[in-house]
Amino acid sequence: MDTEPQPTQNSDHSEDDERIRVPSTGGWPLVAAFGLSMLWAGMLTHWMVSSFGAICLFFGLIGWFREVLPKESHIEVLAEPEPESPVTDQKEVRHLAVGEGGHRARLPLQIHPYSAGIRGGLAGGAAMIVLALIYGLGWHQSIWYPINLLAAAASPQISAMDQTQLCSFHLSGLVLAAVIHISASLFVGLLYGIALPMTPRHPILFGGFLAPIFWSGLLHSAMGIINPALQGRVDWFWFIIAQIGFGVVAGIVVAREEHISTLQFVPFVQRMGIEAAEDEEKKS
């Protein structure tokens, strides 16, 4: 005669421990949410991303529904007693130092000034211009080809030009390319000034290689939407080389700049400019 298996008892808890039933925790809602995100992201990148997201969304919803239909699944957990409130005889609040007692700080504690990002962006933009001119002279025998190609990203008239016209000088193309290049260099330089302090160990690896490869992939995927006429004209190998040149030079310039402490430990009244530090010292 078969005997019914008895549940094993945990040696740390007695049989009198109170147990409560709670909904079981599954990962299917996360799978469904991830699939929905990939489904929408694929509309801006590639249909394969949407296909992968649709598959994840389908199986995530199926697994989620099976957990709640036709009957919601539950698990039993031990009821833990409510912790006692700490009692102290201190009358003043003592501020914890960073890391003390699990105290969390908003990292990084030090950042680069915004001027460092501007200088890094301009230096990286200059390096990119040199690489672009080398590409134009070596592959198209014209320094105006990469300039007109950059301007064509925002000008339908220039993007409709043939190879010969792109290799010729156009004042409108030069002005438009200069505006695009300087604006983008300053913007990315400011991002470097903010992001590089978050990777203090390998700033050049992140700024010089990982970030340029990442946004080059995004531009390659979005080029068919931004300007489909340029999809076949851009030499993506040289494009990535120019982006890496920008990232290395900008990363070196920004990383060598001084660090300044953030204002997270400064009192709120001082951050708002209501009360100066000298007034605080006089009061103390």
C-alpha atoms as a PDB file:
ATOM      1  CA  MET A   1       0.000   0.000   0.000  1.00  0.00           C
ATOM      2  CA  ASP A   2       1.461   3.359  -1.057  1.00  0.00           C
ATOM      3  CA  THR A   3       1.722   5.968   1.600  1.00  0.00           C
ATOM      4  CA  GLU A   4       1.157   9.632   0.881  1.00  0.00           C
ATOM      5  CA  PRO A   5       4.422  11.605   1.107  1.00  0.00           C
ATOM      6  CA  GLN A   6       4.597  13.912   4.101  1.00  0.00           C
ATOM      7  CA  PRO A   7       5.770  17.516   3.643  1.00  0.00           C
ATOM      8  CA  THR A   8       9.234  18.132   4.956  1.00  0.00           C
ATOM      9  CA  GLN A   9       9.560  20.491   7.905  1.00  0.00           C
ATOM     10  CA  ASN A  10      12.157  23.207   8.027  1.00  0.00           C
ATOM     11  CA  SER A  11      14.378  22.856  11.053  1.00  0.00           C
ATOM     12  CA  ASP A  12      14.408  26.624  11.528  1.00  0.00           C
ATOM     13  CA  HIS A  13      10.631  26.865  11.961  1.00  0.00           C
ATOM     14  CA  SER A  14       8.213  24.880  14.106  1.00  0.00           C
ATOM     15  CA  GLU A  15       4.867  23.444  13.064  1.00  0.00           C
ATOM     16  CA  ASP A  16       3.068  26.249  14.918  1.00  0.00           C
ATOM     17  CA  ASP A  17       4.472  28.950  12.647  1.00  0.00           C
ATOM     18  CA  GLU A  18       1.671  30.853  10.950  1.00  0.00           C
ATOM     19  CA  ARG A  19       1.505  30.592   7.184  1.00  0.00           C
ATOM     20  CA  ILE A  20      -0.400  32.845   4.804  1.00  0.00           C
ATOM     21  CA  ARG A  21      -1.416  32.392   1.192  1.00  0.00           C
ATOM     22  CA  VAL A  22      -0.201  35.002  -1.258  1.00  0.00           C
ATOM     23  CA  PRO A  23      -0.305  35.184  -5.067  1.00  0.00           C
ATOM     24  CA  SER A  24       2.600  33.342  -6.616  1.00  0.00           C
ATOM     25  CA  THR A  25       5.342  35.466  -8.132  1.00  0.00           C
ATOM     26  CA  GLY A  26       6.086  34.681 -11.756  1.00  0.00           C
ATOM     27  CA  GLY A  27       8.146  36.367 -14.403  1.00  0.00           C
ATOM     28  CA  TRP A  28       5.606  36.190 -17.217  1.00  0.00           C
ATOM     29  CA  PRO A  29       4.381  39.806 -16.827  1.00  0.00           C
ATOM     30  CA  LEU A  30       7.976  40.959 -17.295  1.00  0.00           C
ATOM     31  CA  VAL A  31       8.308  38.827 -20.417  1.00  0.00           C
ATOM     32  CA  ALA A  32       5.085  40.322 -21.809  1.00  0.00           C
ATOM     33  CA  ALA A  33       6.204  43.885 -21.016  1.00  0.00           C
ATOM     34  CA  PHE A  34       9.593  43.260 -22.643  1.00  0.00           C
ATOM     35  CA  GLY A  35       7.906  41.855 -25.737  1.00  0.00           C
ATOM     36  CA  LEU A  36       5.592  44.862 -26.023  1.00  0.00           C
ATOM     37  CA  SER A  37       8.590  47.220 -25.764  1.00  0.00           C
ATOM     38  CA  MET A  38      10.462  45.320 -28.474  1.00  0.00           C
ATOM     39  CA  LEU A  39       7.341  45.319 -30.648  1.00  0.00           C
ATOM     40  CA  TRP A  40       7.187  49.119 -30.640  1.00  0.00           C
ATOM     41  CA  ALA A  41      10.977  49.526 -30.876  1.00  0.00           C
ATOM     42  CA  GLY A  42      11.010  47.473 -34.044  1.00  0.00           C
ATOM     43  CA  MET A  43       8.841  50.052 -35.778  1.00  0.00           C
ATOM     44  CA  LEU A  44      11.787  52.464 -35.554  1.00  0.00           C
ATOM     45  CA  THR A  45      14.580  49.955 -36.178  1.00  0.00           C
ATOM     46  CA  HIS A  46      13.939  46.647 -37.976  1.00  0.00           C
ATOM     47  CA  TRP A  47      11.046  44.259 -38.499  1.00  0.00           C
ATOM     48  CA  MET A  48      13.048  41.420 -36.913  1.00  0.00           C
ATOM     49  CA  VAL A  49      12.968  43.297 -33.602  1.00  0.00           C
ATOM     50  CA  SER A  50       9.176  43.559 -33.837  1.00  0.00           C
ATOM     51  CA  SER A  51       8.935  39.848 -34.674  1.00  0.00           C
ATOM     52  CA  PHE A  52      11.012  38.933 -31.635  1.00  0.00           C
ATOM     53  CA  GLY A  53       8.897  41.250 -29.481  1.00  0.00           C
ATOM     54  CA  ALA A  54       5.652  39.733 -30.777  1.00  0.00           C
ATOM     55  CA  ILE A  55       6.874  36.231 -29.874  1.00  0.00           C
ATOM     56  CA  CYS A  56       7.872  37.344 -26.362  1.00  0.00           C
ATOM     57  CA  LEU A  57       4.565  39.175 -25.919  1.00  0.00           C
ATOM     58  CA  PHE A  58       2.565  36.120 -27.047  1.00  0.00           C
ATOM     59  CA  PHE A  59       4.280  33.631 -24.730  1.00  0.00           C
ATOM     60  CA  GLY A  60       4.351  36.173 -21.889  1.00  0.00           C
ATOM     61  CA  LEU A  61       0.583  36.699 -22.078  1.00  0.00           C
ATOM     62  CA  ILE A  62      -0.056  32.947 -22.313  1.00  0.00           C
ATOM     63  CA  GLY A  63       2.107  32.241 -19.261  1.00  0.00           C
ATOM     64  CA  TRP A  64       0.550  35.148 -17.379  1.00  0.00           C
ATOM     65  CA  PHE A  65      -3.022  34.063 -18.110  1.00  0.00           C
ATOM     66  CA  ARG A  66      -2.272  30.487 -17.066  1.00  0.00           C
ATOM     67  CA  GLU A  67      -1.202  31.781 -13.655  1.00  0.00           C
ATOM     68  CA  VAL A  68      -4.507  33.569 -13.012  1.00  0.00           C
ATOM     69  CA  LEU A  69      -7.063  31.657 -15.112  1.00  0.00           C
ATOM     70  CA  PRO A  70      -9.239  29.742 -14.447  1.00  0.00           C
ATOM     71  CA  LYS A  71      -7.965  29.894 -10.851  1.00  0.00           C
ATOM     72  CA  GLU A  72      -5.313  32.160  -9.461  1.00  0.00           C
ATOM     73  CA  SER A  73      -2.226  30.295  -8.246  1.00  0.00           C
ATOM     74  CA  HIS A  74      -1.023  30.900  -4.698  1.00  0.00           C
ATOM     75  CA  ILE A  75       1.905  29.920  -2.519  1.00  0.00           C
ATOM     76  CA  GLU A  76       2.244  29.634   1.244  1.00  0.00           C
ATOM     77  CA  VAL A  77       4.822  31.734   3.031  1.00  0.00           C
ATOM     78  CA  LEU A  78       5.739  32.114   6.648  1.00  0.00           C
ATOM     79  CA  ALA A  79       4.231  35.149   8.362  1.00  0.00           C
ATOM     80  CA  GLU A  80       7.042  37.177   9.864  1.00  0.00           C
ATOM     81  CA  PRO A  81       6.398  39.329  12.942  1.00  0.00           C
ATOM     82  CA  GLU A  82       6.394  43.068  12.448  1.00  0.00           C
ATOM     83  CA  PRO A  83       9.766  44.560  13.419  1.00  0.00           C
ATOM     84  CA  GLU A  84       9.810  46.746  16.475  1.00  0.00           C
ATOM     85  CA  SER A  85      10.256  50.461  15.964  1.00  0.00           C
ATOM     86  CA  PRO A  86      13.742  51.606  17.023  1.00  0.00           C
ATOM     87  CA  VAL A  87      13.843  53.734  20.146  1.00  0.00           C
ATOM     88  CA  THR A  88      16.518  56.357  20.647  1.00  0.00           C
ATOM     89  CA  ASP A  89      17.199  59.048  23.164  1.00  0.00           C
ATOM     90  CA  GLN A  90      18.948  61.345  20.693  1.00  0.00           C
ATOM     91  CA  LYS A  91      17.277  64.709  20.207  1.00  0.00           C
ATOM     92  CA  GLU A  92      19.157  65.736  17.056  1.00  0.00           C
ATOM     93  CA  VAL A  93      19.273  64.096  13.647  1.00  0.00           C
ATOM     94  CA  ARG A  94      22.698  62.753  12.752  1.00  0.00           C
ATOM     95  CA  HIS A  95      23.412  62.753   9.013  1.00  0.00           C
ATOM     96  CA  LEU A  96      24.993  59.564   7.750  1.00  0.00           C
ATOM     97  CA  ALA A  97      28.146  59.676   5.690  1.00  0.00           C
ATOM     98  CA  VAL A  98      28.174  58.196   2.203  1.00  0.00           C
ATOM     99  CA  GLY A  99      28.051  54.410   2.493  1.00  0.00           C
ATOM    100  CA  GLU A 100      27.461  54.375   6.268  1.00  0.00           C
ATOM    101  CA  GLY A 101      24.620  52.146   7.351  1.00  0.00           C
ATOM    102  CA  GLY A 102      23.597  51.433   3.783  1.00  0.00           C
ATOM    103  CA  HIS A 103      23.111  55.142   3.089  1.00  0.00           C
ATOM    104  CA  ARG A 104      22.636  55.692  -0.624  1.00  0.00           C
ATOM    105  CA  ALA A 105      24.180  58.586  -2.494  1.00  0.00           C
ATOM    106  CA  ARG A 106      23.376  59.924  -5.919  1.00  0.00           C
ATOM    107  CA  LEU A 107      26.376  58.962  -7.986  1.00  0.00           C
ATOM    108  CA  PRO A 108      28.675  60.247  -9.278  1.00  0.00           C
ATOM    109  CA  LEU A 109      29.870  62.344  -6.365  1.00  0.00           C
ATOM    110  CA  GLN A 110      32.001  64.439  -8.728  1.00  0.00           C
ATOM    111  CA  ILE A 111      31.330  65.557 -12.287  1.00  0.00           C
ATOM    112  CA  HIS A 112      33.072  67.516 -15.013  1.00  0.00           C
ATOM    113  CA  PRO A 113      32.062  71.147 -15.615  1.00  0.00           C
ATOM    114  CA  TYR A 114      29.877  71.769 -18.634  1.00  0.00           C
ATOM    115  CA  SER A 115      32.712  73.701 -20.243  1.00  0.00           C
ATOM    116  CA  ALA A 116      34.711  70.452 -20.379  1.00  0.00           C
ATOM    117  CA  GLY A 117      31.990  68.848 -22.474  1.00  0.00           C
ATOM    118  CA  ILE A 118      31.925  71.835 -24.821  1.00  0.00           C
ATOM    119  CA  ARG A 119      35.698  71.740 -25.297  1.00  0.00           C
ATOM    120  CA  GLY A 120      35.633  67.983 -25.763  1.00  0.00           C
ATOM    121  CA  GLY A 121      32.856  68.233 -28.341  1.00  0.00           C
ATOM    122  CA  LEU A 122      34.695  70.885 -30.360  1.00  0.00           C
ATOM    123  CA  ALA A 123      37.957  68.915 -30.242  1.00  0.00           C
ATOM    124  CA  GLY A 124      36.205  65.697 -31.261  1.00  0.00           C
ATOM    125  CA  GLY A 125      34.389  67.531 -34.048  1.00  0.00           C
ATOM    126  CA  ALA A 126      37.714  68.821 -35.386  1.00  0.00           C
ATOM    127  CA  ALA A 127      39.137  65.285 -35.397  1.00  0.00           C
ATOM    128  CA  MET A 128      36.067  64.049 -37.259  1.00  0.00           C
ATOM    129  CA  ILE A 129      36.511  66.779 -39.900  1.00  0.00           C
ATOM    130  CA  VAL A 130      40.091  65.652 -40.541  1.00  0.00           C
ATOM    131  CA  LEU A 131      39.022  62.024 -40.974  1.00  0.00           C
ATOM    132  CA  ALA A 132      36.113  63.017 -43.220  1.00  0.00           C
ATOM    133  CA  LEU A 133      38.380  65.112 -45.480  1.00  0.00           C
ATOM    134  CA  ILE A 134      40.850  62.228 -45.731  1.00  0.00           C
ATOM    135  CA  TYR A 135      37.999  59.979 -46.827  1.00  0.00           C
ATOM    136  CA  GLY A 136      36.756  62.518 -49.366  1.00  0.00           C
ATOM    137  CA  LEU A 137      40.172  63.050 -50.938  1.00  0.00           C
ATOM    138  CA  GLY A 138      41.171  59.398 -50.927  1.00  0.00           C
ATOM    139  CA  TRP A 139      37.944  57.811 -52.171  1.00  0.00           C
ATOM    140  CA  HIS A 140      36.177  60.583 -54.117  1.00  0.00           C
ATOM    141  CA  GLN A 141      39.021  63.012 -54.948  1.00  0.00           C
ATOM    142  CA  SER A 142      37.038  65.890 -53.427  1.00  0.00           C
ATOM    143  CA  ILE A 143      36.846  67.415 -49.960  1.00  0.00           C
ATOM    144  CA  TRP A 144      33.304  68.571 -50.692  1.00  0.00           C
ATOM    145  CA  TYR A 145      31.790  65.097 -50.962  1.00  0.00           C
ATOM    146  CA  PRO A 146      31.566  64.355 -47.185  1.00  0.00           C
ATOM    147  CA  ILE A 147      30.464  67.955 -46.545  1.00  0.00           C
ATOM    148  CA  ASN A 148      27.630  67.793 -49.067  1.00  0.00           C
ATOM    149  CA  LEU A 149      26.730  64.299 -47.863  1.00  0.00           C
ATOM    150  CA  LEU A 150      26.268  65.595 -44.313  1.00  0.00           C
ATOM    151  CA  ALA A 151      24.169  68.521 -45.559  1.00  0.00           C
ATOM    152  CA  ALA A 152      22.057  66.097 -47.617  1.00  0.00           C
ATOM    153  CA  ALA A 153      20.730  64.568 -44.386  1.00  0.00           C
ATOM    154  CA  ALA A 154      18.615  67.709 -43.889  1.00  0.00           C
ATOM    155  CA  SER A 155      18.234  68.944 -47.483  1.00  0.00           C
ATOM    156  CA  PRO A 156      16.154  67.043 -50.063  1.00  0.00           C
ATOM    157  CA  GLN A 157      17.659  69.183 -52.851  1.00  0.00           C
ATOM    158  CA  ILE A 158      21.224  68.169 -52.002  1.00  0.00           C
ATOM    159  CA  SER A 159      20.288  64.517 -51.439  1.00  0.00           C
ATOM    160  CA  ALA A 160      18.873  64.427 -54.981  1.00  0.00           C
ATOM    161  CA  MET A 161      22.242  65.435 -56.495  1.00  0.00           C
ATOM    162  CA  ASP A 162      24.322  62.936 -58.441  1.00  0.00           C
ATOM    163  CA  GLN A 163      27.899  61.890 -57.674  1.00  0.00           C
ATOM    164  CA  THR A 164      29.479  64.688 -59.694  1.00  0.00           C
ATOM    165  CA  GLN A 165      27.390  67.405 -58.071  1.00  0.00           C
ATOM    166  CA  LEU A 166      28.167  66.098 -54.577  1.00  0.00           C
ATOM    167  CA  CYS A 167      31.866  66.442 -55.329  1.00  0.00           C
ATOM    168  CA  SER A 168      31.449  70.131 -56.202  1.00  0.00           C
ATOM    169  CA  PHE A 169      31.370  73.156 -53.918  1.00  0.00           C
ATOM    170  CA  HIS A 170      27.928  74.395 -52.789  1.00  0.00           C
ATOM    171  CA  LEU A 171      27.680  77.305 -50.379  1.00  0.00           C
ATOM    172  CA  SER A 172      24.320  76.158 -49.004  1.00  0.00           C
ATOM    173  CA  GLY A 173      25.738  72.689 -48.385  1.00  0.00           C
ATOM    174  CA  LEU A 174      28.764  74.094 -46.567  1.00  0.00           C
ATOM    175  CA  VAL A 175      26.648  76.302 -44.289  1.00  0.00           C
ATOM    176  CA  LEU A 176      24.121  73.569 -43.542  1.00  0.00           C
ATOM    177  CA  ALA A 177      26.830  70.966 -42.875  1.00  0.00           C
ATOM    178  CA  ALA A 178      28.635  73.371 -40.539  1.00  0.00           C
ATOM    179  CA  VAL A 179      25.471  74.023 -38.538  1.00  0.00           C
ATOM    180  CA  ILE A 180      24.670  70.305 -38.255  1.00  0.00           C
ATOM    181  CA  HIS A 181      28.219  69.306 -37.359  1.00  0.00           C
ATOM    182  CA  ILE A 182      28.838  72.019 -34.754  1.00  0.00           C
ATOM    183  CA  SER A 183      25.446  71.512 -33.099  1.00  0.00           C
ATOM    184  CA  ALA A 184      25.848  67.738 -32.932  1.00  0.00           C
ATOM    185  CA  SER A 185      29.432  68.005 -31.660  1.00  0.00           C
ATOM    186  CA  LEU A 186      28.438  70.370 -28.847  1.00  0.00           C
ATOM    187  CA  PHE A 187      25.455  68.221 -27.871  1.00  0.00           C
ATOM    188  CA  VAL A 188      27.435  64.972 -27.792  1.00  0.00           C
ATOM    189  CA  GLY A 189      30.292  66.725 -26.002  1.00  0.00           C
ATOM    190  CA  LEU A 190      27.927  67.800 -23.238  1.00  0.00           C
ATOM    191  CA  LEU A 191      26.670  64.219 -22.973  1.00  0.00           C
ATOM    192  CA  TYR A 192      30.264  63.068 -22.608  1.00  0.00           C
ATOM    193  CA  GLY A 193      30.823  65.565 -19.810  1.00  0.00           C
ATOM    194  CA  ILE A 194      27.826  64.082 -17.972  1.00  0.00           C
ATOM    195  CA  ALA A 195      28.334  60.395 -18.752  1.00  0.00           C
ATOM    196  CA  LEU A 196      32.107  59.896 -18.461  1.00  0.00           C
ATOM    197  CA  PRO A 197      32.245  60.477 -14.656  1.00  0.00           C
ATOM    198  CA  MET A 198      29.875  57.500 -14.346  1.00  0.00           C
ATOM    199  CA  THR A 199      32.558  55.250 -15.870  1.00  0.00           C
ATOM    200  CA  PRO A 200      35.699  56.397 -14.018  1.00  0.00           C
ATOM    201  CA  ARG A 201      37.687  53.217 -14.635  1.00  0.00           C
ATOM    202  CA  HIS A 202      37.454  53.052 -18.426  1.00  0.00           C
ATOM    203  CA  PRO A 203      36.260  56.445 -19.742  1.00  0.00           C
ATOM    204  CA  ILE A 204      38.086  56.129 -23.086  1.00  0.00           C
ATOM    205  CA  LEU A 205      36.707  52.625 -23.675  1.00  0.00           C
ATOM    206  CA  PHE A 206      33.169  53.893 -23.193  1.00  0.00           C
ATOM    207  CA  GLY A 207      33.524  57.270 -24.878  1.00  0.00           C
ATOM    208  CA  GLY A 208      35.898  56.225 -27.656  1.00  0.00           C
ATOM    209  CA  PHE A 209      34.498  52.877 -28.738  1.00  0.00           C
ATOM    210  CA  LEU A 210      31.296  51.662 -27.074  1.00  0.00           C
ATOM    211  CA  ALA A 211      29.255  54.869 -27.396  1.00  0.00           C
ATOM    212  CA  PRO A 212      30.259  55.602 -31.054  1.00  0.00           C
ATOM    213  CA  ILE A 213      29.488  52.030 -32.133  1.00  0.00           C
ATOM    214  CA  PHE A 214      26.135  52.187 -30.324  1.00  0.00           C
ATOM    215  CA  TRP A 215      24.913  55.424 -31.930  1.00  0.00           C
ATOM    216  CA  SER A 216      26.354  54.403 -35.325  1.00  0.00           C
ATOM    217  CA  GLY A 217      24.126  51.335 -35.170  1.00  0.00           C
ATOM    218  CA  LEU A 218      21.137  53.501 -34.282  1.00  0.00           C
ATOM    219  CA  LEU A 219      21.823  55.878 -37.202  1.00  0.00           C
ATOM    220  CA  HIS A 220      22.278  52.940 -39.578  1.00  0.00           C
ATOM    221  CA  SER A 221      18.881  51.558 -38.556  1.00  0.00           C
ATOM    222  CA  ALA A 222      17.159  54.958 -38.703  1.00  0.00           C
ATOM    223  CA  MET A 223      18.740  56.209 -41.942  1.00  0.00           C
ATOM    224  CA  GLY A 224      15.974  54.623 -44.009  1.00  0.00           C
ATOM    225  CA  ILE A 225      13.495  56.833 -42.142  1.00  0.00           C
ATOM    226  CA  ILE A 226      15.589  60.023 -41.894  1.00  0.00           C
ATOM    227  CA  ASN A 227      16.682  60.091 -45.539  1.00  0.00           C
ATOM    228  CA  PRO A 228      16.348  56.882 -47.597  1.00  0.00           C
ATOM    229  CA  ALA A 229      18.302  58.440 -50.488  1.00  0.00           C
ATOM    230  CA  LEU A 230      21.482  58.420 -48.381  1.00  0.00           C
ATOM    231  CA  GLN A 231      21.211  54.779 -47.337  1.00  0.00           C
ATOM    232  CA  GLY A 232      23.418  53.554 -50.184  1.00  0.00           C
ATOM    233  CA  ARG A 233      25.775  56.541 -50.348  1.00  0.00           C
ATOM    234  CA  VAL A 234      27.146  56.472 -46.811  1.00  0.00           C
ATOM    235  CA  ASP A 235      30.347  54.480 -46.388  1.00  0.00           C
ATOM    236  CA  TRP A 236      29.520  53.020 -42.992  1.00  0.00           C
ATOM    237  CA  PHE A 237      33.051  51.735 -42.360  1.00  0.00           C
ATOM    238  CA  TRP A 238      34.496  55.249 -42.632  1.00  0.00           C
ATOM    239  CA  PHE A 239      31.486  56.616 -40.790  1.00  0.00           C
ATOM    240  CA  ILE A 240      32.295  54.414 -37.778  1.00  0.00           C
ATOM    241  CA  ILE A 241      36.000  55.334 -38.029  1.00  0.00           C
ATOM    242  CA  ALA A 242      35.081  59.041 -37.896  1.00  0.00           C
ATOM    243  CA  GLN A 243      32.754  58.466 -34.942  1.00  0.00           C
ATOM    244  CA  ILE A 244      35.461  56.567 -33.049  1.00  0.00           C
ATOM    245  CA  GLY A 245      37.914  59.386 -33.806  1.00  0.00           C
ATOM    246  CA  PHE A 246      35.432  61.861 -32.342  1.00  0.00           C
ATOM    247  CA  GLY A 247      34.842  59.671 -29.290  1.00  0.00           C
ATOM    248  CA  VAL A 248      38.531  59.093 -28.516  1.00  0.00           C
ATOM    249  CA  VAL A 249      39.514  62.766 -28.818  1.00  0.00           C
ATOM    250  CA  ALA A 250      36.446  64.062 -26.977  1.00  0.00           C
ATOM    251  CA  GLY A 251      36.845  61.406 -24.277  1.00  0.00           C
ATOM    252  CA  ILE A 252      40.511  62.284 -23.683  1.00  0.00           C
ATOM    253  CA  VAL A 253      39.782  66.028 -23.496  1.00  0.00           C
ATOM    254  CA  VAL A 254      36.850  65.578 -21.103  1.00  0.00           C
ATOM    255  CA  ALA A 255      38.594  62.963 -18.920  1.00  0.00           C
ATOM    256  CA  ARG A 256      41.597  65.255 -18.364  1.00  0.00           C
ATOM    257  CA  GLU A 257      39.457  68.095 -17.071  1.00  0.00           C
ATOM    258  CA  GLU A 258      39.120  68.775 -13.350  1.00  0.00           C
ATOM    259  CA  HIS A 259      36.318  67.259 -11.308  1.00  0.00           C
ATOM    260  CA  ILE A 260      33.870  69.330  -9.290  1.00  0.00           C
ATOM    261  CA  SER A 261      31.733  68.035  -6.432  1.00  0.00           C
ATOM    262  CA  THR A 262      28.000  67.764  -6.923  1.00  0.00           C
ATOM    263  CA  LEU A 263      25.565  69.738  -4.793  1.00  0.00           C
ATOM    264  CA  GLN A 264      23.752  66.759  -3.312  1.00  0.00           C
ATOM    265  CA  PHE A 265      25.209  67.365   0.173  1.00  0.00           C
ATOM    266  CA  VAL A 266      24.712  71.138   0.093  1.00  0.00           C
ATOM    267  CA  PRO A 267      21.598  72.347   2.000  1.00  0.00           C
ATOM    268  CA  PHE A 268      18.578  73.088  -0.143  1.00  0.00           C
ATOM    269  CA  VAL A 269      18.504  76.796   0.759  1.00  0.00           C
ATOM    270  CA  GLN A 270      22.043  77.186  -0.545  1.00  0.00           C
ATOM    271  CA  ARG A 271      21.324  75.293  -3.766  1.00  0.00           C
ATOM    272  CA  MET A 272      18.379  77.616  -4.385  1.00  0.00           C
ATOM    273  CA  GLY A 273      20.548  80.675  -3.692  1.00  0.00           C
ATOM    274  CA  ILE A 274      18.367  81.756  -0.778  1.00  0.00           C
ATOM    275  CA  GLU A 275      21.099  81.487   1.837  1.00  0.00           C
ATOM    276  CA  ALA A 276      24.857  81.661   1.318  1.00  0.00           C
ATOM    277  CA  ALA A 277      27.439  79.410   2.935  1.00  0.00           C
ATOM    278  CA  GLU A 278      28.895  82.347   4.846  1.00  0.00           C
ATOM    279  CA  ASP A 279      25.529  82.974   6.521  1.00  0.00           C
ATOM    280  CA  GLU A 280      25.429  79.335   7.630  1.00  0.00           C
ATOM    281  CA  GLU A 281      28.874  79.636   9.193  1.00  0.00           C
ATOM    282  CA  LYS A 282      27.880  82.790  11.079  1.00  0.00           C
ATOM    283  CA  LYS A 283      24.796  81.105  12.483  1.00  0.00           C
ATOM    284  CA  SER A 284      26.787  78.110  13.609  1.00  0.00           C
END
